[in-house]
Amino acid sequence: MKKGLHISFLLAFFVMFVSCGDAKEAKTNQVANNSAQTEVASNTATNVSETIAQDTVKAEVVVVKFSDYQCPACKYFVPIEEQLKKEFGGRVQIVYKNFPLTMHQFSQVAARAAEAAKKQGKFDEMHELIFTGQEQWSRGNAEAIFTGYANSIGLNMDQFKKDLNSAELQRLIMSDKREGRDLGVESTPTFYINGDKVQSNPPTYPQFRALVVQYLKK
């Protein structure tokens, strides 16, 4: 009985937070392909492959994730992403792109914290801490909490504090967001697999894995 309730709760959670988005992010002129049966659609209007080429690649499959650190749905998919990397190793690569939503007060400073850590070679560590602590810093005092994270993973604190509020990193984050908008991204997380947009985010690891395996077989 308890197991059934637990599963029901998880499914309810996923339905509630399948994606994050708000009216300000919606584009007025969408190119729609509304086939209810299609999970992945080939992106012919834009070339996300160029995006992939800039960030990687020797992996057979590249999953690009447009993400917001304050989005509960983005956090939901982190364990699935980690499991993909663990199972497939270098055959699958996850590329993270910043898409901070206007509805989330601390999403931009969270993105800058992750990018500041990346400059010191500690992106993965900061990325994990930010998502793990999402509920806490979303309530406030976010910058101080991120500074504490930076100290805990051994970053140069003077450099981190300088980068955290730098125009350079803000431009980088907004460049990611413009890129997402050009591709038609309106909510987070939005995934692309080898340039194809995932139309319906798979809610479980086996379902997401099945999509990835399709590309490994090509």
N, C-alpha and C. Protein backbone atom coordinates (compact mmCIF):
# COMPACT_ATOMS: atom_id res chain seq x y z
N MET A 1 0.83 -1.20 0.00
CA MET A 1 0.00 0.00 0.00
C MET A 1 0.87 1.26 0.00
N LYS A 2 1.89 1.27 0.88
CA LYS A 2 2.78 2.41 0.97
C LYS A 2 3.53 2.61 -0.34
N LYS A 3 3.94 1.49 -0.96
CA LYS A 3 4.66 1.59 -2.22
C LYS A 3 3.78 2.22 -3.29
N GLY A 4 2.51 1.80 -3.33
CA GLY A 4 1.58 2.35 -4.29
C GLY A 4 1.36 3.84 -4.10
N LEU A 5 1.26 4.26 -2.86
CA LEU A 5 1.08 5.68 -2.57
C LEU A 5 2.32 6.47 -2.98
N HIS A 6 3.49 5.86 -2.74
CA HIS A 6 4.74 6.52 -3.09
C HIS A 6 4.82 6.74 -4.60
N ILE A 7 4.47 5.71 -5.37
CA ILE A 7 4.50 5.82 -6.83
C ILE A 7 3.51 6.87 -7.30
N SER A 8 2.33 6.86 -6.69
CA SER A 8 1.31 7.85 -7.06
C SER A 8 1.79 9.27 -6.80
N PHE A 9 2.47 9.44 -5.66
CA PHE A 9 3.00 10.77 -5.33
C PHE A 9 4.02 11.22 -6.35
N LEU A 10 4.93 10.31 -6.76
CA LEU A 10 5.96 10.66 -7.73
C LEU A 10 5.34 11.02 -9.08
N LEU A 11 4.33 10.26 -9.48
CA LEU A 11 3.68 10.56 -10.75
C LEU A 11 2.97 11.91 -10.69
N ALA A 12 2.33 12.18 -9.55
CA ALA A 12 1.65 13.46 -9.38
C ALA A 12 2.66 14.60 -9.43
N PHE A 13 3.81 14.38 -8.80
CA PHE A 13 4.87 15.38 -8.82
C PHE A 13 5.31 15.67 -10.24
N PHE A 14 5.52 14.59 -11.01
CA PHE A 14 6.00 14.78 -12.38
C PHE A 14 4.97 15.52 -13.22
N VAL A 15 3.70 15.15 -13.09
CA VAL A 15 2.66 15.82 -13.87
C VAL A 15 2.61 17.30 -13.53
N MET A 16 2.78 17.61 -12.26
CA MET A 16 2.71 19.01 -11.81
C MET A 16 3.90 19.80 -12.34
N PHE A 17 5.06 19.18 -12.38
CA PHE A 17 6.28 19.90 -12.71
C PHE A 17 6.94 19.38 -13.98
N VAL A 18 6.13 18.94 -14.94
CA VAL A 18 6.70 18.41 -16.17
C VAL A 18 7.55 19.44 -16.89
N SER A 19 7.23 20.71 -16.71
CA SER A 19 8.07 21.78 -17.25
C SER A 19 7.76 23.06 -16.50
N CYS A 20 8.70 24.00 -16.59
CA CYS A 20 8.50 25.33 -16.02
C CYS A 20 8.48 26.33 -17.16
N GLY A 21 7.58 27.30 -17.07
CA GLY A 21 7.52 28.34 -18.09
C GLY A 21 6.53 29.39 -17.67
N ASP A 22 6.62 30.55 -18.31
CA ASP A 22 5.64 31.58 -18.03
C ASP A 22 5.31 32.34 -19.30
N ALA A 23 4.32 33.20 -19.21
CA ALA A 23 3.82 33.87 -20.41
C ALA A 23 4.88 34.71 -21.09
N LYS A 24 5.79 35.28 -20.32
CA LYS A 24 6.82 36.13 -20.91
C LYS A 24 7.77 35.35 -21.80
N GLU A 25 7.88 34.04 -21.55
CA GLU A 25 8.78 33.24 -22.36
C GLU A 25 8.11 32.73 -23.64
N ALA A 26 6.78 32.80 -23.71
CA ALA A 26 6.07 32.23 -24.86
C ALA A 26 6.33 33.06 -26.11
N LYS A 27 6.57 32.42 -27.20
CA LYS A 27 6.77 33.10 -28.48
C LYS A 27 5.43 33.20 -29.19
N THR A 28 5.21 34.31 -29.83
CA THR A 28 3.91 34.53 -30.47
C THR A 28 3.80 33.80 -31.80
N ASN A 29 4.92 33.62 -32.51
CA ASN A 29 4.85 32.93 -33.79
C ASN A 29 5.58 31.60 -33.70
N GLN A 30 4.84 30.53 -33.39
CA GLN A 30 5.42 29.21 -33.24
C GLN A 30 5.23 28.43 -34.53
N VAL A 31 6.23 27.59 -34.83
CA VAL A 31 6.09 26.63 -35.92
C VAL A 31 5.71 25.31 -35.28
N ALA A 32 4.48 24.85 -35.48
CA ALA A 32 3.95 23.72 -34.73
C ALA A 32 3.93 22.45 -35.57
N ASN A 33 4.34 21.39 -34.88
CA ASN A 33 4.12 20.05 -35.42
C ASN A 33 3.51 19.26 -34.29
N ASN A 34 2.18 19.13 -34.28
CA ASN A 34 1.46 18.67 -33.10
C ASN A 34 1.09 17.20 -33.16
N SER A 35 1.92 16.38 -33.75
CA SER A 35 1.62 14.96 -33.78
C SER A 35 1.71 14.39 -32.37
N ALA A 36 0.59 13.92 -31.83
CA ALA A 36 0.55 13.43 -30.45
C ALA A 36 1.35 12.16 -30.28
N GLN A 37 1.65 11.48 -31.39
CA GLN A 37 2.35 10.21 -31.28
C GLN A 37 3.86 10.36 -31.35
N THR A 38 4.34 11.55 -31.69
CA THR A 38 5.76 11.74 -31.93
C THR A 38 6.46 12.26 -30.69
N GLU A 39 7.43 11.52 -30.17
CA GLU A 39 8.17 11.96 -28.99
C GLU A 39 9.32 12.88 -29.36
N VAL A 40 9.96 12.62 -30.52
CA VAL A 40 11.10 13.42 -30.93
C VAL A 40 10.86 13.90 -32.35
N ALA A 41 11.03 15.20 -32.56
CA ALA A 41 10.83 15.76 -33.89
C ALA A 41 12.14 16.31 -34.41
N SER A 42 12.43 16.05 -35.68
CA SER A 42 13.65 16.57 -36.28
C SER A 42 13.52 18.08 -36.43
N ASN A 43 14.54 18.82 -35.99
CA ASN A 43 14.49 20.28 -36.01
C ASN A 43 15.02 20.76 -37.36
N THR A 44 14.11 21.07 -38.30
CA THR A 44 14.53 21.49 -39.63
C THR A 44 14.63 23.00 -39.74
N ALA A 45 13.97 23.75 -38.87
CA ALA A 45 13.97 25.20 -38.96
C ALA A 45 15.27 25.80 -38.46
N THR A 46 15.92 25.14 -37.52
CA THR A 46 17.16 25.66 -36.96
C THR A 46 18.18 24.54 -36.89
N ASN A 47 19.42 24.89 -36.64
CA ASN A 47 20.48 23.90 -36.68
C ASN A 47 21.14 23.80 -35.32
N VAL A 48 20.54 23.00 -34.44
CA VAL A 48 21.12 22.81 -33.12
C VAL A 48 22.42 22.03 -33.19
N SER A 49 22.68 21.37 -34.31
CA SER A 49 23.95 20.66 -34.48
C SER A 49 25.13 21.62 -34.40
N GLU A 50 24.94 22.85 -34.83
CA GLU A 50 26.01 23.85 -34.72
C GLU A 50 26.30 24.15 -33.26
N THR A 51 25.24 24.18 -32.45
CA THR A 51 25.39 24.39 -31.01
C THR A 51 26.22 23.26 -30.40
N ILE A 52 25.87 22.04 -30.77
CA ILE A 52 26.58 20.87 -30.26
C ILE A 52 28.05 20.93 -30.64
N ALA A 53 28.33 21.27 -31.88
CA ALA A 53 29.70 21.27 -32.38
C ALA A 53 30.58 22.25 -31.61
N GLN A 54 30.00 23.33 -31.13
CA GLN A 54 30.78 24.32 -30.39
C GLN A 54 31.17 23.83 -28.99
N ASP A 55 30.44 22.89 -28.44
CA ASP A 55 30.64 22.49 -27.05
C ASP A 55 31.37 21.16 -26.88
N THR A 56 31.38 20.32 -27.86
CA THR A 56 31.90 18.98 -27.72
C THR A 56 32.74 18.63 -28.94
N VAL A 57 32.86 17.55 -29.51
CA VAL A 57 32.09 16.34 -29.30
C VAL A 57 32.86 15.18 -29.87
N LYS A 58 32.92 14.14 -29.13
CA LYS A 58 33.33 12.86 -29.68
C LYS A 58 32.33 11.80 -29.28
N ALA A 59 31.35 12.20 -28.48
CA ALA A 59 30.32 11.26 -28.04
C ALA A 59 29.42 10.89 -29.21
N GLU A 60 28.89 9.67 -29.16
CA GLU A 60 27.96 9.22 -30.19
C GLU A 60 26.62 9.94 -30.07
N VAL A 61 26.22 10.22 -28.84
CA VAL A 61 24.94 10.87 -28.58
C VAL A 61 25.19 12.08 -27.69
N VAL A 62 24.68 13.23 -28.11
CA VAL A 62 24.80 14.45 -27.32
C VAL A 62 23.40 14.92 -26.95
N VAL A 63 23.15 15.04 -25.66
CA VAL A 63 21.87 15.53 -25.15
C VAL A 63 22.09 16.96 -24.68
N VAL A 64 21.44 17.91 -25.35
CA VAL A 64 21.52 19.31 -24.94
C VAL A 64 20.29 19.62 -24.09
N LYS A 65 20.54 20.17 -22.91
CA LYS A 65 19.46 20.50 -21.98
C LYS A 65 19.43 22.00 -21.72
N PHE A 66 18.35 22.66 -22.13
CA PHE A 66 18.13 24.05 -21.76
C PHE A 66 17.43 24.03 -20.41
N SER A 67 18.05 24.66 -19.42
CA SER A 67 17.67 24.43 -18.03
C SER A 67 17.67 25.70 -17.20
N ASP A 68 16.87 25.68 -16.15
CA ASP A 68 16.75 26.76 -15.17
C ASP A 68 16.99 26.13 -13.80
N TYR A 69 17.97 26.66 -13.04
CA TYR A 69 18.32 26.04 -11.76
C TYR A 69 17.21 26.13 -10.71
N GLN A 70 16.27 27.05 -10.88
CA GLN A 70 15.19 27.19 -9.90
C GLN A 70 13.93 26.42 -10.33
N CYS A 71 14.01 25.73 -11.43
CA CYS A 71 12.87 24.99 -11.98
C CYS A 71 12.82 23.58 -11.38
N PRO A 72 11.75 23.22 -10.66
CA PRO A 72 11.65 21.88 -10.07
C PRO A 72 11.72 20.75 -11.11
N ALA A 73 11.18 20.98 -12.29
CA ALA A 73 11.22 19.95 -13.33
C ALA A 73 12.65 19.70 -13.80
N CYS A 74 13.46 20.76 -13.86
CA CYS A 74 14.87 20.59 -14.25
C CYS A 74 15.61 19.75 -13.21
N LYS A 75 15.31 19.99 -11.95
CA LYS A 75 15.91 19.18 -10.88
C LYS A 75 15.47 17.73 -10.99
N TYR A 76 14.21 17.51 -11.33
CA TYR A 76 13.67 16.15 -11.45
C TYR A 76 14.50 15.30 -12.40
N PHE A 77 14.99 15.90 -13.48
CA PHE A 77 15.70 15.13 -14.50
C PHE A 77 17.19 14.91 -14.20
N VAL A 78 17.73 15.58 -13.19
CA VAL A 78 19.16 15.44 -12.90
C VAL A 78 19.56 13.99 -12.62
N PRO A 79 18.83 13.23 -11.77
CA PRO A 79 19.21 11.83 -11.55
C PRO A 79 19.15 10.99 -12.82
N ILE A 80 18.21 11.30 -13.71
CA ILE A 80 18.12 10.58 -14.98
C ILE A 80 19.35 10.87 -15.83
N GLU A 81 19.78 12.13 -15.86
CA GLU A 81 20.97 12.51 -16.62
C GLU A 81 22.22 11.82 -16.06
N GLU A 82 22.32 11.80 -14.74
CA GLU A 82 23.48 11.17 -14.11
C GLU A 82 23.51 9.66 -14.39
N GLN A 83 22.34 9.04 -14.41
CA GLN A 83 22.27 7.62 -14.70
C GLN A 83 22.66 7.32 -16.14
N LEU A 84 22.28 8.20 -17.06
CA LEU A 84 22.70 8.04 -18.45
C LEU A 84 24.22 8.10 -18.57
N LYS A 85 24.83 9.07 -17.90
CA LYS A 85 26.29 9.21 -17.96
C LYS A 85 26.98 8.00 -17.33
N LYS A 86 26.40 7.50 -16.25
CA LYS A 86 26.98 6.35 -15.58
C LYS A 86 26.89 5.09 -16.44
N GLU A 87 25.74 4.88 -17.07
CA GLU A 87 25.57 3.66 -17.86
C GLU A 87 26.34 3.69 -19.18
N PHE A 88 26.33 4.84 -19.85
CA PHE A 88 26.89 4.89 -21.21
C PHE A 88 28.27 5.53 -21.28
N GLY A 89 28.73 6.11 -20.19
CA GLY A 89 30.07 6.69 -20.18
C GLY A 89 30.27 7.72 -21.26
N GLY A 90 31.39 7.62 -21.98
CA GLY A 90 31.73 8.59 -23.00
C GLY A 90 30.90 8.51 -24.26
N ARG A 91 30.04 7.52 -24.37
CA ARG A 91 29.19 7.40 -25.56
C ARG A 91 28.06 8.44 -25.55
N VAL A 92 27.71 8.92 -24.36
CA VAL A 92 26.63 9.90 -24.22
C VAL A 92 27.16 11.12 -23.46
N GLN A 93 26.93 12.29 -23.98
CA GLN A 93 27.37 13.52 -23.32
C GLN A 93 26.17 14.43 -23.10
N ILE A 94 26.12 15.03 -21.91
CA ILE A 94 25.08 16.00 -21.58
C ILE A 94 25.69 17.40 -21.67
N VAL A 95 25.09 18.26 -22.47
CA VAL A 95 25.53 19.65 -22.59
C VAL A 95 24.46 20.53 -21.96
N TYR A 96 24.85 21.32 -20.97
CA TYR A 96 23.89 22.17 -20.26
C TYR A 96 23.91 23.58 -20.82
N LYS A 97 22.72 24.10 -21.09
CA LYS A 97 22.55 25.47 -21.57
C LYS A 97 21.65 26.22 -20.60
N ASN A 98 22.01 27.45 -20.30
CA ASN A 98 21.24 28.25 -19.35
C ASN A 98 20.01 28.85 -20.02
N PHE A 99 18.87 28.68 -19.36
CA PHE A 99 17.63 29.30 -19.83
C PHE A 99 16.84 29.78 -18.61
N PRO A 100 17.38 30.78 -17.90
CA PRO A 100 16.70 31.28 -16.69
C PRO A 100 15.38 31.93 -17.02
N LEU A 101 14.33 31.51 -16.35
CA LEU A 101 12.99 32.04 -16.60
C LEU A 101 12.74 33.31 -15.78
N THR A 102 11.97 34.22 -16.35
CA THR A 102 11.69 35.47 -15.64
C THR A 102 10.87 35.24 -14.38
N MET A 103 10.14 34.13 -14.31
CA MET A 103 9.30 33.84 -13.15
C MET A 103 10.12 33.41 -11.93
N HIS A 104 11.40 33.12 -12.13
CA HIS A 104 12.24 32.63 -11.04
C HIS A 104 13.25 33.69 -10.61
N GLN A 105 13.08 34.19 -9.42
CA GLN A 105 13.85 35.34 -8.93
C GLN A 105 15.35 35.10 -8.88
N PHE A 106 15.75 33.87 -8.53
CA PHE A 106 17.18 33.62 -8.29
C PHE A 106 17.82 32.75 -9.38
N SER A 107 17.12 32.54 -10.49
CA SER A 107 17.65 31.64 -11.51
C SER A 107 18.90 32.18 -12.19
N GLN A 108 18.98 33.50 -12.36
CA GLN A 108 20.15 34.05 -13.04
C GLN A 108 21.39 34.01 -12.16
N VAL A 109 21.24 34.35 -10.89
CA VAL A 109 22.42 34.29 -10.00
C VAL A 109 22.85 32.84 -9.81
N ALA A 110 21.91 31.91 -9.83
CA ALA A 110 22.27 30.50 -9.74
C ALA A 110 23.09 30.08 -10.96
N ALA A 111 22.66 30.53 -12.14
CA ALA A 111 23.40 30.22 -13.36
C ALA A 111 24.80 30.83 -13.32
N ARG A 112 24.90 32.06 -12.82
CA ARG A 112 26.23 32.69 -12.73
C ARG A 112 27.12 31.95 -11.75
N ALA A 113 26.55 31.45 -10.66
CA ALA A 113 27.34 30.68 -9.69
C ALA A 113 27.91 29.43 -10.34
N ALA A 114 27.10 28.75 -11.13
CA ALA A 114 27.56 27.54 -11.81
C ALA A 114 28.66 27.87 -12.82
N GLU A 115 28.45 28.95 -13.58
CA GLU A 115 29.45 29.33 -14.58
C GLU A 115 30.73 29.85 -13.93
N ALA A 116 30.60 30.51 -12.79
CA ALA A 116 31.79 30.96 -12.06
C ALA A 116 32.61 29.77 -11.58
N ALA A 117 31.92 28.74 -11.10
CA ALA A 117 32.62 27.52 -10.68
C ALA A 117 33.26 26.82 -11.87
N LYS A 118 32.58 26.87 -13.00
CA LYS A 118 33.12 26.25 -14.23
C LYS A 118 34.46 26.87 -14.60
N LYS A 119 34.61 28.16 -14.40
CA LYS A 119 35.87 28.84 -14.72
C LYS A 119 37.02 28.30 -13.89
N GLN A 120 36.70 27.71 -12.74
CA GLN A 120 37.73 27.14 -11.86
C GLN A 120 37.72 25.60 -11.90
N GLY A 121 37.05 25.04 -12.91
CA GLY A 121 37.07 23.59 -13.10
C GLY A 121 36.19 22.81 -12.14
N LYS A 122 35.18 23.48 -11.54
CA LYS A 122 34.33 22.80 -10.56
C LYS A 122 32.84 22.94 -10.91
N PHE A 123 32.54 22.91 -12.20
CA PHE A 123 31.14 23.05 -12.62
C PHE A 123 30.27 21.92 -12.07
N ASP A 124 30.72 20.68 -12.24
CA ASP A 124 29.90 19.54 -11.82
C ASP A 124 29.55 19.60 -10.35
N GLU A 125 30.53 19.97 -9.53
CA GLU A 125 30.31 20.05 -8.09
C GLU A 125 29.29 21.14 -7.74
N MET A 126 29.44 22.30 -8.36
CA MET A 126 28.51 23.40 -8.07
C MET A 126 27.11 23.09 -8.63
N HIS A 127 27.08 22.55 -9.81
CA HIS A 127 25.82 22.16 -10.45
C HIS A 127 25.00 21.25 -9.53
N GLU A 128 25.68 20.26 -8.96
CA GLU A 128 25.00 19.31 -8.06
C GLU A 128 24.52 20.00 -6.79
N LEU A 129 25.36 20.84 -6.20
CA LEU A 129 24.97 21.53 -4.96
C LEU A 129 23.80 22.47 -5.17
N ILE A 130 23.80 23.18 -6.28
CA ILE A 130 22.72 24.14 -6.54
C ILE A 130 21.38 23.42 -6.68
N PHE A 131 21.37 22.32 -7.43
CA PHE A 131 20.11 21.59 -7.57
C PHE A 131 19.70 20.90 -6.27
N THR A 132 20.66 20.35 -5.54
CA THR A 132 20.35 19.68 -4.28
C THR A 132 19.72 20.66 -3.29
N GLY A 133 20.24 21.88 -3.26
CA GLY A 133 19.75 22.88 -2.30
C GLY A 133 18.66 23.79 -2.84
N GLN A 134 18.05 23.40 -3.95
CA GLN A 134 17.09 24.28 -4.64
C GLN A 134 15.99 24.82 -3.73
N GLU A 135 15.40 23.97 -2.93
CA GLU A 135 14.30 24.40 -2.08
C GLU A 135 14.75 25.45 -1.07
N GLN A 136 15.97 25.31 -0.58
CA GLN A 136 16.47 26.26 0.43
C GLN A 136 16.74 27.63 -0.17
N TRP A 137 17.59 27.70 -1.20
CA TRP A 137 17.97 29.02 -1.72
C TRP A 137 16.85 29.69 -2.51
N SER A 138 15.86 28.90 -2.95
CA SER A 138 14.72 29.50 -3.64
C SER A 138 13.88 30.37 -2.71
N ARG A 139 14.04 30.16 -1.39
CA ARG A 139 13.30 30.95 -0.42
C ARG A 139 14.00 32.28 -0.11
N GLY A 140 15.26 32.42 -0.53
CA GLY A 140 15.97 33.67 -0.29
C GLY A 140 17.41 33.45 0.13
N ASN A 141 18.17 34.55 0.21
CA ASN A 141 19.58 34.52 0.62
C ASN A 141 20.42 33.67 -0.33
N ALA A 142 20.01 33.65 -1.60
CA ALA A 142 20.63 32.74 -2.57
C ALA A 142 22.12 33.01 -2.77
N GLU A 143 22.49 34.26 -2.95
CA GLU A 143 23.89 34.57 -3.24
C GLU A 143 24.81 34.13 -2.10
N ALA A 144 24.38 34.34 -0.86
CA ALA A 144 25.18 33.91 0.29
C ALA A 144 25.30 32.39 0.33
N ILE A 145 24.23 31.70 0.00
CA ILE A 145 24.26 30.24 -0.01
C ILE A 145 25.21 29.73 -1.09
N PHE A 146 25.17 30.34 -2.27
CA PHE A 146 26.07 29.92 -3.35
C PHE A 146 27.53 30.21 -2.98
N THR A 147 27.75 31.29 -2.26
CA THR A 147 29.11 31.60 -1.80
C THR A 147 29.59 30.53 -0.83
N GLY A 148 28.67 30.06 0.02
CA GLY A 148 29.02 28.96 0.92
C GLY A 148 29.35 27.69 0.16
N TYR A 149 28.57 27.40 -0.90
CA TYR A 149 28.87 26.24 -1.74
C TYR A 149 30.27 26.36 -2.34
N ALA A 150 30.59 27.56 -2.85
CA ALA A 150 31.89 27.78 -3.47
C ALA A 150 33.02 27.51 -2.49
N ASN A 151 32.85 27.97 -1.27
CA ASN A 151 33.87 27.74 -0.25
C ASN A 151 34.01 26.25 0.08
N SER A 152 32.87 25.54 0.10
CA SER A 152 32.89 24.12 0.47
C SER A 152 33.58 23.25 -0.58
N ILE A 153 33.60 23.70 -1.84
CA ILE A 153 34.26 22.90 -2.88
C ILE A 153 35.65 23.43 -3.22
N GLY A 154 36.12 24.37 -2.40
CA GLY A 154 37.51 24.79 -2.51
C GLY A 154 37.82 25.78 -3.61
N LEU A 155 36.85 26.61 -3.98
CA LEU A 155 37.13 27.61 -5.01
C LEU A 155 37.94 28.77 -4.43
N ASN A 156 38.65 29.45 -5.31
CA ASN A 156 39.27 30.72 -4.94
C ASN A 156 38.15 31.72 -4.73
N MET A 157 37.94 32.14 -3.49
CA MET A 157 36.75 32.91 -3.17
C MET A 157 36.78 34.32 -3.75
N ASP A 158 37.94 34.94 -3.80
CA ASP A 158 38.03 36.27 -4.40
C ASP A 158 37.62 36.21 -5.87
N GLN A 159 38.12 35.21 -6.56
CA GLN A 159 37.79 35.06 -7.98
C GLN A 159 36.32 34.72 -8.16
N PHE A 160 35.80 33.84 -7.30
CA PHE A 160 34.39 33.45 -7.41
C PHE A 160 33.47 34.66 -7.23
N LYS A 161 33.74 35.46 -6.19
CA LYS A 161 32.88 36.62 -5.92
C LYS A 161 32.95 37.63 -7.06
N LYS A 162 34.12 37.78 -7.66
CA LYS A 162 34.26 38.68 -8.79
C LYS A 162 33.46 38.17 -9.99
N ASP A 163 33.57 36.86 -10.25
CA ASP A 163 32.89 36.28 -11.40
C ASP A 163 31.38 36.20 -11.20
N LEU A 164 30.95 36.02 -9.96
CA LEU A 164 29.53 35.83 -9.67
C LEU A 164 28.68 37.00 -10.16
N ASN A 165 29.23 38.19 -10.12
CA ASN A 165 28.48 39.37 -10.54
C ASN A 165 29.11 40.05 -11.76
N SER A 166 29.84 39.27 -12.55
CA SER A 166 30.53 39.86 -13.69
C SER A 166 29.59 39.99 -14.90
N ALA A 167 29.82 41.03 -15.67
CA ALA A 167 29.07 41.24 -16.91
C ALA A 167 29.37 40.14 -17.92
N GLU A 168 30.60 39.63 -17.87
CA GLU A 168 31.01 38.57 -18.80
C GLU A 168 30.12 37.34 -18.66
N LEU A 169 29.91 36.89 -17.43
CA LEU A 169 29.09 35.69 -17.23
C LEU A 169 27.62 35.97 -17.50
N GLN A 170 27.16 37.17 -17.18
CA GLN A 170 25.77 37.51 -17.49
C GLN A 170 25.54 37.48 -19.01
N ARG A 171 26.51 37.98 -19.77
CA ARG A 171 26.39 37.94 -21.23
C ARG A 171 26.37 36.50 -21.73
N LEU A 172 27.21 35.65 -21.13
CA LEU A 172 27.25 34.24 -21.54
C LEU A 172 25.90 33.56 -21.30
N ILE A 173 25.32 33.84 -20.14
CA ILE A 173 24.02 33.23 -19.79
C ILE A 173 22.92 33.70 -20.73
N MET A 174 22.91 35.00 -21.01
CA MET A 174 21.88 35.53 -21.90
C MET A 174 22.11 35.09 -23.34
N SER A 175 23.36 34.81 -23.70
CA SER A 175 23.64 34.24 -25.02
C SER A 175 23.03 32.85 -25.14
N ASP A 176 23.18 32.04 -24.08
CA ASP A 176 22.53 30.73 -24.06
C ASP A 176 21.02 30.87 -24.23
N LYS A 177 20.44 31.83 -23.52
CA LYS A 177 18.99 32.00 -23.57
C LYS A 177 18.53 32.45 -24.95
N ARG A 178 19.27 33.36 -25.57
CA ARG A 178 18.92 33.78 -26.93
C ARG A 178 19.00 32.61 -27.90
N GLU A 179 20.01 31.79 -27.70
CA GLU A 179 20.15 30.60 -28.53
C GLU A 179 18.93 29.69 -28.38
N GLY A 180 18.49 29.52 -27.13
CA GLY A 180 17.30 28.70 -26.89
C GLY A 180 16.07 29.29 -27.55
N ARG A 181 15.88 30.59 -27.42
CA ARG A 181 14.73 31.23 -28.04
C ARG A 181 14.75 31.06 -29.55
N ASP A 182 15.94 31.18 -30.15
CA ASP A 182 16.07 31.00 -31.59
C ASP A 182 15.66 29.59 -32.02
N LEU A 183 15.86 28.64 -31.12
CA LEU A 183 15.48 27.25 -31.39
C LEU A 183 14.02 26.96 -31.07
N GLY A 184 13.35 27.94 -30.46
CA GLY A 184 11.95 27.75 -30.12
C GLY A 184 11.71 27.27 -28.70
N VAL A 185 12.73 27.35 -27.84
CA VAL A 185 12.56 26.93 -26.45
C VAL A 185 11.65 27.93 -25.73
N GLU A 186 10.67 27.42 -25.01
CA GLU A 186 9.74 28.26 -24.27
C GLU A 186 9.62 27.85 -22.81
N SER A 187 10.07 26.65 -22.47
CA SER A 187 9.94 26.17 -21.10
C SER A 187 11.15 25.31 -20.77
N THR A 188 11.30 25.01 -19.51
CA THR A 188 12.43 24.19 -19.08
C THR A 188 11.93 22.98 -18.29
N PRO A 189 12.64 21.86 -18.39
CA PRO A 189 13.76 21.64 -19.30
C PRO A 189 13.29 21.34 -20.72
N THR A 190 14.08 21.78 -21.68
CA THR A 190 13.88 21.38 -23.07
C THR A 190 15.14 20.64 -23.51
N PHE A 191 14.93 19.45 -24.05
CA PHE A 191 16.04 18.59 -24.45
C PHE A 191 16.13 18.46 -25.97
N TYR A 192 17.37 18.38 -26.45
CA TYR A 192 17.64 18.01 -27.84
C TYR A 192 18.57 16.80 -27.81
N ILE A 193 18.30 15.82 -28.65
CA ILE A 193 19.17 14.65 -28.77
C ILE A 193 19.71 14.62 -30.19
N ASN A 194 21.03 14.81 -30.31
CA ASN A 194 21.68 14.88 -31.62
C ASN A 194 20.95 15.81 -32.57
N GLY A 195 20.51 16.95 -32.05
CA GLY A 195 19.88 17.97 -32.87
C GLY A 195 18.38 17.87 -32.99
N ASP A 196 17.78 16.78 -32.49
CA ASP A 196 16.33 16.60 -32.56
C ASP A 196 15.69 17.00 -31.24
N LYS A 197 14.66 17.81 -31.32
CA LYS A 197 13.99 18.27 -30.11
C LYS A 197 13.11 17.17 -29.54
N VAL A 198 13.25 16.94 -28.24
CA VAL A 198 12.38 15.99 -27.54
C VAL A 198 11.05 16.69 -27.28
N GLN A 199 10.00 16.19 -27.87
CA GLN A 199 8.71 16.85 -27.80
C GLN A 199 7.97 16.57 -26.49
N SER A 200 8.19 15.40 -25.93
CA SER A 200 7.52 15.01 -24.69
C SER A 200 8.56 14.39 -23.76
N ASN A 201 8.92 15.10 -22.71
CA ASN A 201 9.99 14.63 -21.83
C ASN A 201 9.62 13.30 -21.17
N PRO A 202 10.43 12.27 -21.39
CA PRO A 202 10.13 10.96 -20.79
C PRO A 202 10.23 11.03 -19.26
N PRO A 203 9.22 10.58 -18.52
CA PRO A 203 9.20 10.76 -17.07
C PRO A 203 10.01 9.75 -16.27
N THR A 204 10.53 8.72 -16.92
CA THR A 204 11.28 7.70 -16.19
C THR A 204 12.61 7.43 -16.89
N TYR A 205 13.56 6.85 -16.13
CA TYR A 205 14.84 6.52 -16.74
C TYR A 205 14.70 5.52 -17.88
N PRO A 206 13.95 4.43 -17.74
CA PRO A 206 13.83 3.49 -18.86
C PRO A 206 13.31 4.14 -20.13
N GLN A 207 12.38 5.08 -20.00
CA GLN A 207 11.83 5.74 -21.18
C GLN A 207 12.84 6.69 -21.81
N PHE A 208 13.58 7.43 -20.97
CA PHE A 208 14.60 8.33 -21.51
C PHE A 208 15.73 7.51 -22.13
N ARG A 209 16.10 6.43 -21.47
CA ARG A 209 17.15 5.55 -21.99
C ARG A 209 16.77 5.00 -23.36
N ALA A 210 15.50 4.63 -23.52
CA ALA A 210 15.05 4.07 -24.79
C ALA A 210 15.24 5.07 -25.93
N LEU A 211 14.99 6.36 -25.65
CA LEU A 211 15.22 7.39 -26.67
C LEU A 211 16.70 7.46 -27.04
N VAL A 212 17.56 7.47 -26.03
CA VAL A 212 19.00 7.56 -26.27
C VAL A 212 19.49 6.36 -27.07
N VAL A 213 19.01 5.17 -26.74
CA VAL A 213 19.43 3.95 -27.43
C VAL A 213 19.08 4.01 -28.92
N GLN A 214 17.95 4.65 -29.25
CA GLN A 214 17.58 4.80 -30.66
C GLN A 214 18.68 5.50 -31.43
N TYR A 215 19.32 6.49 -30.80
CA TYR A 215 20.37 7.24 -31.48
C TYR A 215 21.69 6.49 -31.48
N LEU A 216 21.92 5.67 -30.47
CA LEU A 216 23.13 4.86 -30.45
C LEU A 216 23.11 3.81 -31.56
N LYS A 217 21.93 3.43 -31.98
CA LYS A 217 21.79 2.40 -33.02
C LYS A 217 21.89 2.97 -34.42
N LYS A 218 21.80 4.30 -34.54
CA LYS A 218 21.81 4.90 -35.88
C LYS A 218 23.22 4.87 -36.49
